[in-house]
Amino acid sequence: MNIHHFAIEVRDLETSIAFYQKYLGLHEENRLQFNKENIVFLANNDFRIELISGGQQNVSQSIHICLEVDNVHEIIRKFNEHHISALEGPYKLNNGWETVFYTGPDNEVIEFLQIREKAEH
């Protein structure tokens, strides 16, 4: 069994699409309408986020997504270039992992986690 996607209820579909494309490098894979909801799947390889707008559910402010990255400091640099401050971190955990947290357009928390040492060139 594999996870196909992670879904987030959003207020403004186009704002959320732009955010995830710009900062996570996702591309639009599919767009559809189901009942009264507008749905967009964003993907990168086998990773997908489903953005949902116009439904009956409230936008959640307790969503936490964790993405494993090769270099957490590259993520920090990219966000800093756009004057976006980290919500928390960066932290170096006791097990050697490094992590930093940002907030998405609908207050979803996006954690970036580096579990391997950076390769030295």
PDB file of N, CA and C in Angstrom:
ATOM      1  N   MET A   1       0.847  -1.175   0.000  1.00  0.00           N
ATOM      2  CA  MET A   1       0.000   0.000   0.000  1.00  0.00           C
ATOM      3  C   MET A   1       0.894   1.239   0.000  1.00  0.00           C
ATOM      4  N   ASN A   2       0.517   2.236  -0.786  1.00  0.00           N
ATOM      5  CA  ASN A   2       1.254   3.498  -0.865  1.00  0.00           C
ATOM      6  C   ASN A   2       0.301   4.666  -0.635  1.00  0.00           C
ATOM      7  N   ILE A   3       0.821   5.727  -0.053  1.00  0.00           N
ATOM      8  CA  ILE A   3       0.028   6.948   0.083  1.00  0.00           C
ATOM      9  C   ILE A   3      -0.013   7.637  -1.282  1.00  0.00           C
ATOM     10  N   HIS A   4      -1.203   7.971  -1.746  1.00  0.00           N
ATOM     11  CA  HIS A   4      -1.355   8.639  -3.032  1.00  0.00           C
ATOM     12  C   HIS A   4      -1.219  10.147  -2.910  1.00  0.00           C
ATOM     13  N   HIS A   5      -1.876  10.745  -1.891  1.00  0.00           N
ATOM     14  CA  HIS A   5      -1.812  12.200  -1.743  1.00  0.00           C
ATOM     15  C   HIS A   5      -2.174  12.635  -0.342  1.00  0.00           C
ATOM     16  N   PHE A   6      -1.911  13.895  -0.059  1.00  0.00           N
ATOM     17  CA  PHE A   6      -2.278  14.548   1.181  1.00  0.00           C
ATOM     18  C   PHE A   6      -3.171  15.707   0.789  1.00  0.00           C
ATOM     19  N   ALA A   7      -4.326  15.867   1.431  1.00  0.00           N
ATOM     20  CA  ALA A   7      -5.289  16.902   1.036  1.00  0.00           C
ATOM     21  C   ALA A   7      -5.322  18.051   2.041  1.00  0.00           C
ATOM     22  N   ILE A   8      -5.501  19.261   1.507  1.00  0.00           N
ATOM     23  CA  ILE A   8      -5.608  20.464   2.330  1.00  0.00           C
ATOM     24  C   ILE A   8      -6.790  21.290   1.834  1.00  0.00           C
ATOM     25  N   GLU A   9      -7.692  21.646   2.736  1.00  0.00           N
ATOM     26  CA  GLU A   9      -8.772  22.588   2.423  1.00  0.00           C
ATOM     27  C   GLU A   9      -8.174  23.988   2.428  1.00  0.00           C
ATOM     28  N   VAL A  10      -8.382  24.743   1.360  1.00  0.00           N
ATOM     29  CA  VAL A  10      -7.781  26.080   1.249  1.00  0.00           C
ATOM     30  C   VAL A  10      -8.847  27.131   0.981  1.00  0.00           C
ATOM     31  N   ARG A  11      -8.556  28.369   1.358  1.00  0.00           N
ATOM     32  CA  ARG A  11      -9.476  29.482   1.112  1.00  0.00           C
ATOM     33  C   ARG A  11      -9.407  29.953  -0.338  1.00  0.00           C
ATOM     34  N   ASP A  12      -8.178  30.128  -0.834  1.00  0.00           N
ATOM     35  CA  ASP A  12      -7.965  30.674  -2.175  1.00  0.00           C
ATOM     36  C   ASP A  12      -7.105  29.686  -2.957  1.00  0.00           C
ATOM     37  N   LEU A  13      -7.736  28.962  -3.847  1.00  0.00           N
ATOM     38  CA  LEU A  13      -7.069  27.898  -4.585  1.00  0.00           C
ATOM     39  C   LEU A  13      -5.849  28.404  -5.354  1.00  0.00           C
ATOM     40  N   GLU A  14      -5.992  29.516  -6.077  1.00  0.00           N
ATOM     41  CA  GLU A  14      -4.893  30.002  -6.910  1.00  0.00           C
ATOM     42  C   GLU A  14      -3.703  30.473  -6.078  1.00  0.00           C
ATOM     43  N   THR A  15      -3.965  31.087  -4.922  1.00  0.00           N
ATOM     44  CA  THR A  15      -2.877  31.504  -4.028  1.00  0.00           C
ATOM     45  C   THR A  15      -2.116  30.289  -3.520  1.00  0.00           C
ATOM     46  N   SER A  16      -2.837  29.252  -3.134  1.00  0.00           N
ATOM     47  CA  SER A  16      -2.194  28.039  -2.637  1.00  0.00           C
ATOM     48  C   SER A  16      -1.432  27.321  -3.741  1.00  0.00           C
ATOM     49  N   ILE A  17      -1.982  27.262  -4.936  1.00  0.00           N
ATOM     50  CA  ILE A  17      -1.275  26.645  -6.060  1.00  0.00           C
ATOM     51  C   ILE A  17       0.051  27.365  -6.291  1.00  0.00           C
ATOM     52  N   ALA A  18       0.009  28.690  -6.347  1.00  0.00           N
ATOM     53  CA  ALA A  18       1.218  29.483  -6.589  1.00  0.00           C
ATOM     54  C   ALA A  18       2.268  29.236  -5.507  1.00  0.00           C
ATOM     55  N   PHE A  19       1.832  29.176  -4.251  1.00  0.00           N
ATOM     56  CA  PHE A  19       2.746  28.949  -3.136  1.00  0.00           C
ATOM     57  C   PHE A  19       3.455  27.604  -3.287  1.00  0.00           C
ATOM     58  N   TYR A  20       2.703  26.537  -3.488  1.00  0.00           N
ATOM     59  CA  TYR A  20       3.292  25.203  -3.557  1.00  0.00           C
ATOM     60  C   TYR A  20       4.128  25.009  -4.825  1.00  0.00           C
ATOM     61  N   GLN A  21       3.784  25.681  -5.897  1.00  0.00           N
ATOM     62  CA  GLN A  21       4.617  25.610  -7.098  1.00  0.00           C
ATOM     63  C   GLN A  21       5.933  26.350  -6.875  1.00  0.00           C
ATOM     64  N   LYS A  22       5.846  27.546  -6.310  1.00  0.00           N
ATOM     65  CA  LYS A  22       7.028  28.391  -6.145  1.00  0.00           C
ATOM     66  C   LYS A  22       7.996  27.841  -5.110  1.00  0.00           C
ATOM     67  N   TYR A  23       7.494  27.421  -3.953  1.00  0.00           N
ATOM     68  CA  TYR A  23       8.375  27.052  -2.859  1.00  0.00           C
ATOM     69  C   TYR A  23       8.658  25.563  -2.738  1.00  0.00           C
ATOM     70  N   LEU A  24       7.808  24.713  -3.267  1.00  0.00           N
ATOM     71  CA  LEU A  24       8.042  23.275  -3.179  1.00  0.00           C
ATOM     72  C   LEU A  24       8.326  22.652  -4.538  1.00  0.00           C
ATOM     73  N   GLY A  25       8.231  23.444  -5.594  1.00  0.00           N
ATOM     74  CA  GLY A  25       8.549  22.936  -6.919  1.00  0.00           C
ATOM     75  C   GLY A  25       7.542  21.939  -7.468  1.00  0.00           C
ATOM     76  N   LEU A  26       6.301  21.994  -6.978  1.00  0.00           N
ATOM     77  CA  LEU A  26       5.270  21.082  -7.470  1.00  0.00           C
ATOM     78  C   LEU A  26       4.674  21.625  -8.763  1.00  0.00           C
ATOM     79  N   HIS A  27       4.166  20.738  -9.583  1.00  0.00           N
ATOM     80  CA  HIS A  27       3.498  21.157 -10.822  1.00  0.00           C
ATOM     81  C   HIS A  27       2.040  20.662 -10.788  1.00  0.00           C
ATOM     82  N   GLU A  28       1.206  21.363 -11.528  1.00  0.00           N
ATOM     83  CA  GLU A  28      -0.200  20.970 -11.577  1.00  0.00           C
ATOM     84  C   GLU A  28      -0.335  19.691 -12.392  1.00  0.00           C
ATOM     85  N   GLU A  29      -0.909  18.684 -11.754  1.00  0.00           N
ATOM     86  CA  GLU A  29      -1.077  17.380 -12.387  1.00  0.00           C
ATOM     87  C   GLU A  29      -2.493  17.192 -12.922  1.00  0.00           C
ATOM     88  N   ASN A  30      -3.488  17.691 -12.166  1.00  0.00           N
ATOM     89  CA  ASN A  30      -4.872  17.461 -12.540  1.00  0.00           C
ATOM     90  C   ASN A  30      -5.744  18.513 -11.864  1.00  0.00           C
ATOM     91  N   ARG A  31      -6.815  18.914 -12.554  1.00  0.00           N
ATOM     92  CA  ARG A  31      -7.775  19.875 -11.999  1.00  0.00           C
ATOM     93  C   ARG A  31      -9.163  19.330 -12.300  1.00  0.00           C
ATOM     94  N   LEU A  32     -10.018  19.305 -11.274  1.00  0.00           N
ATOM     95  CA  LEU A  32     -11.366  18.787 -11.489  1.00  0.00           C
ATOM     96  C   LEU A  32     -12.340  19.443 -10.522  1.00  0.00           C
ATOM     97  N   GLN A  33     -13.605  19.219 -10.785  1.00  0.00           N
ATOM     98  CA  GLN A  33     -14.656  19.694  -9.900  1.00  0.00           C
ATOM     99  C   GLN A  33     -15.452  18.482  -9.450  1.00  0.00           C
ATOM    100  N   PHE A  34     -15.725  18.410  -8.149  1.00  0.00           N
ATOM    101  CA  PHE A  34     -16.476  17.306  -7.587  1.00  0.00           C
ATOM    102  C   PHE A  34     -17.477  17.897  -6.612  1.00  0.00           C
ATOM    103  N   ASN A  35     -18.761  17.627  -6.852  1.00  0.00           N
ATOM    104  CA  ASN A  35     -19.829  18.280  -6.102  1.00  0.00           C
ATOM    105  C   ASN A  35     -19.616  19.789  -6.206  1.00  0.00           C
ATOM    106  N   LYS A  36     -19.463  20.491  -5.110  1.00  0.00           N
ATOM    107  CA  LYS A  36     -19.255  21.942  -5.170  1.00  0.00           C
ATOM    108  C   LYS A  36     -17.809  22.324  -4.895  1.00  0.00           C
ATOM    109  N   GLU A  37     -16.909  21.339  -4.950  1.00  0.00           N
ATOM    110  CA  GLU A  37     -15.512  21.586  -4.641  1.00  0.00           C
ATOM    111  C   GLU A  37     -14.673  21.696  -5.915  1.00  0.00           C
ATOM    112  N   ASN A  38     -13.758  22.659  -5.917  1.00  0.00           N
ATOM    113  CA  ASN A  38     -12.734  22.746  -6.952  1.00  0.00           C
ATOM    114  C   ASN A  38     -11.491  22.085  -6.385  1.00  0.00           C
ATOM    115  N   ILE A  39     -10.921  21.160  -7.160  1.00  0.00           N
ATOM    116  CA  ILE A  39      -9.814  20.344  -6.680  1.00  0.00           C
ATOM    117  C   ILE A  39      -8.657  20.436  -7.669  1.00  0.00           C
ATOM    118  N   VAL A  40      -7.459  20.625  -7.105  1.00  0.00           N
ATOM    119  CA  VAL A  40      -6.239  20.620  -7.920  1.00  0.00           C
ATOM    120  C   VAL A  40      -5.234  19.689  -7.256  1.00  0.00           C
ATOM    121  N   PHE A  41      -4.675  18.782  -8.055  1.00  0.00           N
ATOM    122  CA  PHE A  41      -3.586  17.927  -7.584  1.00  0.00           C
ATOM    123  C   PHE A  41      -2.277  18.534  -8.066  1.00  0.00           C
ATOM    124  N   LEU A  42      -1.368  18.745  -7.121  1.00  0.00           N
ATOM    125  CA  LEU A  42      -0.019  19.192  -7.429  1.00  0.00           C
ATOM    126  C   LEU A  42       0.915  18.028  -7.144  1.00  0.00           C
ATOM    127  N   ALA A  43       1.931  17.846  -7.973  1.00  0.00           N
ATOM    128  CA  ALA A  43       2.783  16.667  -7.832  1.00  0.00           C
ATOM    129  C   ALA A  43       4.244  16.978  -8.122  1.00  0.00           C
ATOM    130  N   ASN A  44       5.075  16.082  -7.596  1.00  0.00           N
ATOM    131  CA  ASN A  44       6.496  16.030  -7.918  1.00  0.00           C
ATOM    132  C   ASN A  44       6.877  14.568  -7.745  1.00  0.00           C
ATOM    133  N   ASN A  45       7.124  13.895  -8.856  1.00  0.00           N
ATOM    134  CA  ASN A  45       7.376  12.452  -8.851  1.00  0.00           C
ATOM    135  C   ASN A  45       6.177  11.740  -8.225  1.00  0.00           C
ATOM    136  N   ASP A  46       6.387  10.988  -7.145  1.00  0.00           N
ATOM    137  CA  ASP A  46       5.296  10.240  -6.522  1.00  0.00           C
ATOM    138  C   ASP A  46       4.631  10.986  -5.378  1.00  0.00           C
ATOM    139  N   PHE A  47       5.029  12.227  -5.118  1.00  0.00           N
ATOM    140  CA  PHE A  47       4.459  13.018  -4.032  1.00  0.00           C
ATOM    141  C   PHE A  47       3.355  13.922  -4.576  1.00  0.00           C
ATOM    142  N   ARG A  48       2.179  13.903  -3.916  1.00  0.00           N
ATOM    143  CA  ARG A  48       1.051  14.721  -4.358  1.00  0.00           C
ATOM    144  C   ARG A  48       0.385  15.425  -3.186  1.00  0.00           C
ATOM    145  N   ILE A  49      -0.037  16.659  -3.448  1.00  0.00           N
ATOM    146  CA  ILE A  49      -0.902  17.392  -2.535  1.00  0.00           C
ATOM    147  C   ILE A  49      -2.179  17.697  -3.287  1.00  0.00           C
ATOM    148  N   GLU A  50      -3.313  17.433  -2.651  1.00  0.00           N
ATOM    149  CA  GLU A  50      -4.617  17.771  -3.210  1.00  0.00           C
ATOM    150  C   GLU A  50      -5.096  19.039  -2.515  1.00  0.00           C
ATOM    151  N   LEU A  51      -5.318  20.104  -3.275  1.00  0.00           N
ATOM    152  CA  LEU A  51      -5.851  21.351  -2.739  1.00  0.00           C
ATOM    153  C   LEU A  51      -7.337  21.393  -3.054  1.00  0.00           C
ATOM    154  N   ILE A  52      -8.161  21.658  -2.029  1.00  0.00           N
ATOM    155  CA  ILE A  52      -9.613  21.638  -2.169  1.00  0.00           C
ATOM    156  C   ILE A  52     -10.166  22.987  -1.756  1.00  0.00           C
ATOM    157  N   SER A  53     -11.031  23.552  -2.603  1.00  0.00           N
ATOM    158  CA  SER A  53     -11.637  24.853  -2.305  1.00  0.00           C
ATOM    159  C   SER A  53     -13.123  24.801  -2.629  1.00  0.00           C
ATOM    160  N   GLY A  54     -13.914  25.489  -1.802  1.00  0.00           N
ATOM    161  CA  GLY A  54     -15.339  25.611  -2.080  1.00  0.00           C
ATOM    162  C   GLY A  54     -16.208  24.561  -1.446  1.00  0.00           C
ATOM    163  N   GLY A  55     -15.642  23.739  -0.597  1.00  0.00           N
ATOM    164  CA  GLY A  55     -16.425  22.693   0.054  1.00  0.00           C
ATOM    165  C   GLY A  55     -17.092  23.189   1.315  1.00  0.00           C
ATOM    166  N   GLN A  56     -17.701  22.277   2.023  1.00  0.00           N
ATOM    167  CA  GLN A  56     -18.423  22.585   3.248  1.00  0.00           C
ATOM    168  C   GLN A  56     -17.530  22.604   4.483  1.00  0.00           C
ATOM    169  N   GLN A  57     -16.344  21.996   4.379  1.00  0.00           N
ATOM    170  CA  GLN A  57     -15.474  21.909   5.543  1.00  0.00           C
ATOM    171  C   GLN A  57     -14.754  23.230   5.788  1.00  0.00           C
ATOM    172  N   ASN A  58     -14.440  23.478   7.052  1.00  0.00           N
ATOM    173  CA  ASN A  58     -13.651  24.644   7.395  1.00  0.00           C
ATOM    174  C   ASN A  58     -12.195  24.395   7.051  1.00  0.00           C
ATOM    175  N   VAL A  59     -11.486  25.483   6.763  1.00  0.00           N
ATOM    176  CA  VAL A  59     -10.060  25.375   6.515  1.00  0.00           C
ATOM    177  C   VAL A  59      -9.388  25.022   7.833  1.00  0.00           C
ATOM    178  N   SER A  60      -8.617  23.961   7.838  1.00  0.00           N
ATOM    179  CA  SER A  60      -7.969  23.498   9.062  1.00  0.00           C
ATOM    180  C   SER A  60      -6.718  24.296   9.354  1.00  0.00           C
ATOM    181  N   GLN A  61      -6.518  24.599  10.610  1.00  0.00           N
ATOM    182  CA  GLN A  61      -5.299  25.272  11.011  1.00  0.00           C
ATOM    183  C   GLN A  61      -4.434  24.357  11.851  1.00  0.00           C
ATOM    184  N   SER A  62      -4.690  23.077  11.784  1.00  0.00           N
ATOM    185  CA  SER A  62      -3.892  22.136  12.557  1.00  0.00           C
ATOM    186  C   SER A  62      -3.185  21.132  11.657  1.00  0.00           C
ATOM    187  N   ILE A  63      -3.072  21.442  10.391  1.00  0.00           N
ATOM    188  CA  ILE A  63      -2.414  20.538   9.447  1.00  0.00           C
ATOM    189  C   ILE A  63      -0.900  20.709   9.550  1.00  0.00           C
ATOM    190  N   HIS A  64      -0.201  19.598   9.514  1.00  0.00           N
ATOM    191  CA  HIS A  64       1.256  19.568   9.591  1.00  0.00           C
ATOM    192  C   HIS A  64       1.737  18.606   8.513  1.00  0.00           C
ATOM    193  N   ILE A  65       2.524  19.116   7.598  1.00  0.00           N
ATOM    194  CA  ILE A  65       3.111  18.298   6.544  1.00  0.00           C
ATOM    195  C   ILE A  65       4.610  18.272   6.786  1.00  0.00           C
ATOM    196  N   CYS A  66       5.230  17.116   6.717  1.00  0.00           N
ATOM    197  CA  CYS A  66       6.680  17.026   6.860  1.00  0.00           C
ATOM    198  C   CYS A  66       7.262  16.490   5.556  1.00  0.00           C
ATOM    199  N   LEU A  67       8.194  17.249   4.989  1.00  0.00           N
ATOM    200  CA  LEU A  67       8.843  16.862   3.742  1.00  0.00           C
ATOM    201  C   LEU A  67      10.321  16.624   3.999  1.00  0.00           C
ATOM    202  N   GLU A  68      10.802  15.456   3.615  1.00  0.00           N
ATOM    203  CA  GLU A  68      12.226  15.174   3.759  1.00  0.00           C
ATOM    204  C   GLU A  68      12.980  15.846   2.620  1.00  0.00           C
ATOM    205  N   VAL A  69      14.042  16.562   2.970  1.00  0.00           N
ATOM    206  CA  VAL A  69      14.854  17.278   1.986  1.00  0.00           C
ATOM    207  C   VAL A  69      16.314  16.883   2.137  1.00  0.00           C
ATOM    208  N   ASP A  70      17.107  17.118   1.092  1.00  0.00           N
ATOM    209  CA  ASP A  70      18.531  16.810   1.141  1.00  0.00           C
ATOM    210  C   ASP A  70      19.319  17.836   1.950  1.00  0.00           C
ATOM    211  N   ASN A  71      18.866  19.118   1.904  1.00  0.00           N
ATOM    212  CA  ASN A  71      19.617  20.179   2.562  1.00  0.00           C
ATOM    213  C   ASN A  71      18.639  21.214   3.117  1.00  0.00           C
ATOM    214  N   VAL A  72      18.412  21.187   4.413  1.00  0.00           N
ATOM    215  CA  VAL A  72      17.456  22.097   5.042  1.00  0.00           C
ATOM    216  C   VAL A  72      17.912  23.554   4.905  1.00  0.00           C
ATOM    217  N   HIS A  73      19.223  23.784   4.840  1.00  0.00           N
ATOM    218  CA  HIS A  73      19.719  25.155   4.738  1.00  0.00           C
ATOM    219  C   HIS A  73      19.440  25.771   3.362  1.00  0.00           C
ATOM    220  N   GLU A  74      19.327  24.947   2.334  1.00  0.00           N
ATOM    221  CA  GLU A  74      18.912  25.440   1.012  1.00  0.00           C
ATOM    222  C   GLU A  74      17.456  25.892   1.046  1.00  0.00           C
ATOM    223  N   ILE A  75      16.618  25.176   1.767  1.00  0.00           N
ATOM    224  CA  ILE A  75      15.215  25.567   1.927  1.00  0.00           C
ATOM    225  C   ILE A  75      15.141  26.908   2.652  1.00  0.00           C
ATOM    226  N   ILE A  76      15.890  27.042   3.723  1.00  0.00           N
ATOM    227  CA  ILE A  76      15.906  28.293   4.491  1.00  0.00           C
ATOM    228  C   ILE A  76      16.355  29.442   3.604  1.00  0.00           C
ATOM    229  N   ARG A  77      17.404  29.224   2.820  1.00  0.00           N
ATOM    230  CA  ARG A  77      17.905  30.263   1.911  1.00  0.00           C
ATOM    231  C   ARG A  77      16.826  30.692   0.922  1.00  0.00           C
ATOM    232  N   LYS A  78      16.122  29.715   0.363  1.00  0.00           N
ATOM    233  CA  LYS A  78      15.083  30.025  -0.624  1.00  0.00           C
ATOM    234  C   LYS A  78      13.968  30.873  -0.007  1.00  0.00           C
ATOM    235  N   PHE A  79      13.506  30.496   1.174  1.00  0.00           N
ATOM    236  CA  PHE A  79      12.466  31.280   1.840  1.00  0.00           C
ATOM    237  C   PHE A  79      12.991  32.659   2.244  1.00  0.00           C
ATOM    238  N   ASN A  80      14.227  32.733   2.741  1.00  0.00           N
ATOM    239  CA  ASN A  80      14.812  34.023   3.118  1.00  0.00           C
ATOM    240  C   ASN A  80      14.901  34.970   1.927  1.00  0.00           C
ATOM    241  N   GLU A  81      15.215  34.436   0.745  1.00  0.00           N
ATOM    242  CA  GLU A  81      15.281  35.263  -0.466  1.00  0.00           C
ATOM    243  C   GLU A  81      13.952  35.965  -0.735  1.00  0.00           C
ATOM    244  N   HIS A  82      12.867  35.375  -0.293  1.00  0.00           N
ATOM    245  CA  HIS A  82      11.535  35.936  -0.493  1.00  0.00           C
ATOM    246  C   HIS A  82      10.985  36.570   0.796  1.00  0.00           C
ATOM    247  N   HIS A  83      11.904  36.816   1.738  1.00  0.00           N
ATOM    248  CA  HIS A  83      11.566  37.502   3.000  1.00  0.00           C
ATOM    249  C   HIS A  83      10.470  36.771   3.783  1.00  0.00           C
ATOM    250  N   ILE A  84      10.544  35.435   3.759  1.00  0.00           N
ATOM    251  CA  ILE A  84       9.619  34.617   4.532  1.00  0.00           C
ATOM    252  C   ILE A  84      10.397  34.005   5.683  1.00  0.00           C
ATOM    253  N   SER A  85       9.995  34.348   6.897  1.00  0.00           N
ATOM    254  CA  SER A  85      10.681  33.860   8.091  1.00  0.00           C
ATOM    255  C   SER A  85      10.131  32.509   8.514  1.00  0.00           C
ATOM    256  N   ALA A  86      11.001  31.741   9.132  1.00  0.00           N
ATOM    257  CA  ALA A  86      10.595  30.443   9.662  1.00  0.00           C
ATOM    258  C   ALA A  86       9.629  30.635  10.824  1.00  0.00           C
ATOM    259  N   LEU A  87       8.670  29.754  10.919  1.00  0.00           N
ATOM    260  CA  LEU A  87       7.764  29.718  12.059  1.00  0.00           C
ATOM    261  C   LEU A  87       8.532  29.252  13.298  1.00  0.00           C
ATOM    262  N   GLU A  88       9.364  28.206  13.110  1.00  0.00           N
ATOM    263  CA  GLU A  88      10.209  27.660  14.168  1.00  0.00           C
ATOM    264  C   GLU A  88      11.482  27.125  13.544  1.00  0.00           C
ATOM    265  N   GLY A  89      12.565  27.202  14.307  1.00  0.00           N
ATOM    266  CA  GLY A  89      13.820  26.603  13.874  1.00  0.00           C
ATOM    267  C   GLY A  89      14.672  27.551  13.068  1.00  0.00           C
ATOM    268  N   PRO A  90      15.731  27.034  12.536  1.00  0.00           N
ATOM    269  CA  PRO A  90      16.059  25.616  12.396  1.00  0.00           C
ATOM    270  C   PRO A  90      16.547  25.016  13.710  1.00  0.00           C
ATOM    271  N   TYR A  91      16.306  23.704  13.834  1.00  0.00           N
ATOM    272  CA  TYR A  91      16.727  22.963  15.003  1.00  0.00           C
ATOM    273  C   TYR A  91      17.617  21.810  14.562  1.00  0.00           C
ATOM    274  N   LYS A  92      18.600  21.494  15.383  1.00  0.00           N
ATOM    275  CA  LYS A  92      19.382  20.270  15.202  1.00  0.00           C
ATOM    276  C   LYS A  92      18.949  19.340  16.325  1.00  0.00           C
ATOM    277  N   LEU A  93      18.375  18.210  15.979  1.00  0.00           N
ATOM    278  CA  LEU A  93      17.855  17.264  16.958  1.00  0.00           C
ATOM    279  C   LEU A  93      18.968  16.357  17.494  1.00  0.00           C
ATOM    280  N   ASN A  94      18.711  15.727  18.618  1.00  0.00           N
ATOM    281  CA  ASN A  94      19.710  14.866  19.260  1.00  0.00           C
ATOM    282  C   ASN A  94      20.189  13.738  18.358  1.00  0.00           C
ATOM    283  N   ASN A  95      19.337  13.282  17.460  1.00  0.00           N
ATOM    284  CA  ASN A  95      19.712  12.180  16.568  1.00  0.00           C
ATOM    285  C   ASN A  95      20.447  12.661  15.313  1.00  0.00           C
ATOM    286  N   GLY A  96      20.733  13.979  15.230  1.00  0.00           N
ATOM    287  CA  GLY A  96      21.470  14.529  14.089  1.00  0.00           C
ATOM    288  C   GLY A  96      20.595  15.100  13.000  1.00  0.00           C
ATOM    289  N   TRP A  97      19.299  14.869  13.066  1.00  0.00           N
ATOM    290  CA  TRP A  97      18.407  15.429  12.066  1.00  0.00           C
ATOM    291  C   TRP A  97      18.337  16.939  12.238  1.00  0.00           C
ATOM    292  N   GLU A  98      18.083  17.644  11.123  1.00  0.00           N
ATOM    293  CA  GLU A  98      17.861  19.084  11.167  1.00  0.00           C
ATOM    294  C   GLU A  98      16.479  19.376  10.615  1.00  0.00           C
ATOM    295  N   THR A  99      15.785  20.331  11.238  1.00  0.00           N
ATOM    296  CA  THR A  99      14.411  20.621  10.843  1.00  0.00           C
ATOM    297  C   THR A  99      14.119  22.110  10.952  1.00  0.00           C
ATOM    298  N   VAL A 100      13.184  22.571  10.131  1.00  0.00           N
ATOM    299  CA  VAL A 100      12.702  23.955  10.174  1.00  0.00           C
ATOM    300  C   VAL A 100      11.235  23.933   9.759  1.00  0.00           C
ATOM    301  N   PHE A 101      10.455  24.862  10.316  1.00  0.00           N
ATOM    302  CA  PHE A 101       9.012  24.913  10.077  1.00  0.00           C
ATOM    303  C   PHE A 101       8.624  26.257   9.451  1.00  0.00           C
ATOM    304  N   TYR A 102       7.736  26.213   8.465  1.00  0.00           N
ATOM    305  CA  TYR A 102       7.174  27.411   7.832  1.00  0.00           C
ATOM    306  C   TYR A 102       5.652  27.305   7.845  1.00  0.00           C
ATOM    307  N   THR A 103       4.999  28.424   7.594  1.00  0.00           N
ATOM    308  CA  THR A 103       3.545  28.453   7.520  1.00  0.00           C
ATOM    309  C   THR A 103       3.132  28.645   6.070  1.00  0.00           C
ATOM    310  N   GLY A 104       2.161  27.843   5.603  1.00  0.00           N
ATOM    311  CA  GLY A 104       1.622  27.976   4.256  1.00  0.00           C
ATOM    312  C   GLY A 104       0.520  29.022   4.220  1.00  0.00           C
ATOM    313  N   PRO A 105      -0.084  29.238   3.053  1.00  0.00           N
ATOM    314  CA  PRO A 105      -1.082  30.289   2.873  1.00  0.00           C
ATOM    315  C   PRO A 105      -2.314  30.169   3.765  1.00  0.00           C
ATOM    316  N   ASP A 106      -2.653  28.973   4.215  1.00  0.00           N
ATOM    317  CA  ASP A 106      -3.834  28.775   5.068  1.00  0.00           C
ATOM    318  C   ASP A 106      -3.454  28.333   6.470  1.00  0.00           C
ATOM    319  N   ASN A 107      -2.280  28.774   6.912  1.00  0.00           N
ATOM    320  CA  ASN A 107      -1.744  28.466   8.243  1.00  0.00           C
ATOM    321  C   ASN A 107      -1.404  26.998   8.437  1.00  0.00           C
ATOM    322  N   GLU A 108      -1.320  26.229   7.359  1.00  0.00           N
ATOM    323  CA  GLU A 108      -0.829  24.867   7.495  1.00  0.00           C
ATOM    324  C   GLU A 108       0.664  24.948   7.812  1.00  0.00           C
ATOM    325  N   VAL A 109       1.133  24.058   8.650  1.00  0.00           N
ATOM    326  CA  VAL A 109       2.537  24.040   9.034  1.00  0.00           C
ATOM    327  C   VAL A 109       3.268  23.082   8.103  1.00  0.00           C
ATOM    328  N   ILE A 110       4.360  23.578   7.508  1.00  0.00           N
ATOM    329  CA  ILE A 110       5.169  22.774   6.599  1.00  0.00           C
ATOM    330  C   ILE A 110       6.540  22.607   7.242  1.00  0.00           C
ATOM    331  N   GLU A 111       6.855  21.370   7.568  1.00  0.00           N
ATOM    332  CA  GLU A 111       8.147  21.056   8.168  1.00  0.00           C
ATOM    333  C   GLU A 111       9.055  20.505   7.088  1.00  0.00           C
ATOM    334  N   PHE A 112      10.288  20.962   7.074  1.00  0.00           N
ATOM    335  CA  PHE A 112      11.311  20.423   6.183  1.00  0.00           C
ATOM    336  C   PHE A 112      12.329  19.721   7.066  1.00  0.00           C
ATOM    337  N   LEU A 113      12.607  18.460   6.766  1.00  0.00           N
ATOM    338  CA  LEU A 113      13.442  17.624   7.613  1.00  0.00           C
ATOM    339  C   LEU A 113      14.589  17.033   6.814  1.00  0.00           C
ATOM    340  N   GLN A 114      15.801  17.262   7.306  1.00  0.00           N
ATOM    341  CA  GLN A 114      16.990  16.657   6.705  1.00  0.00           C
ATOM    342  C   GLN A 114      17.470  15.573   7.654  1.00  0.00           C
ATOM    343  N   ILE A 115      17.453  14.329   7.190  1.00  0.00           N
ATOM    344  CA  ILE A 115      17.834  13.228   8.078  1.00  0.00           C
ATOM    345  C   ILE A 115      19.236  12.708   7.803  1.00  0.00           C
ATOM    346  N   ARG A 116      19.835  13.136   6.712  1.00  0.00           N
ATOM    347  CA  ARG A 116      21.196  12.696   6.377  1.00  0.00           C
ATOM    348  C   ARG A 116      22.139  13.890   6.410  1.00  0.00           C
ATOM    349  N   GLU A 117      23.395  13.623   6.703  1.00  0.00           N
ATOM    350  CA  GLU A 117      24.414  14.664   6.654  1.00  0.00           C
ATOM    351  C   GLU A 117      24.559  15.144   5.212  1.00  0.00           C
ATOM    352  N   LYS A 118      24.835  16.426   5.067  1.00  0.00           N
ATOM    353  CA  LYS A 118      25.073  16.976   3.731  1.00  0.00           C
ATOM    354  C   LYS A 118      26.362  16.380   3.163  1.00  0.00           C
ATOM    355  N   ALA A 119      26.340  16.078   1.895  1.00  0.00           N
ATOM    356  CA  ALA A 119      27.553  15.574   1.244  1.00  0.00           C
ATOM    357  C   ALA A 119      28.538  16.714   1.097  1.00  0.00           C
ATOM    358  N   GLU A 120      29.764  16.491   1.493  1.00  0.00           N
ATOM    359  CA  GLU A 120      30.812  17.511   1.356  1.00  0.00           C
ATOM    360  C   GLU A 120      31.465  17.354  -0.011  1.00  0.00           C
ATOM    361  N   HIS A 121      31.616  18.474  -0.707  1.00  0.00           N
ATOM    362  CA  HIS A 121      32.251  18.425  -2.044  1.00  0.00           C
ATOM    363  C   HIS A 121      33.645  18.959  -1.964  1.00  0.00           C
TER     364      HIS A 121
END
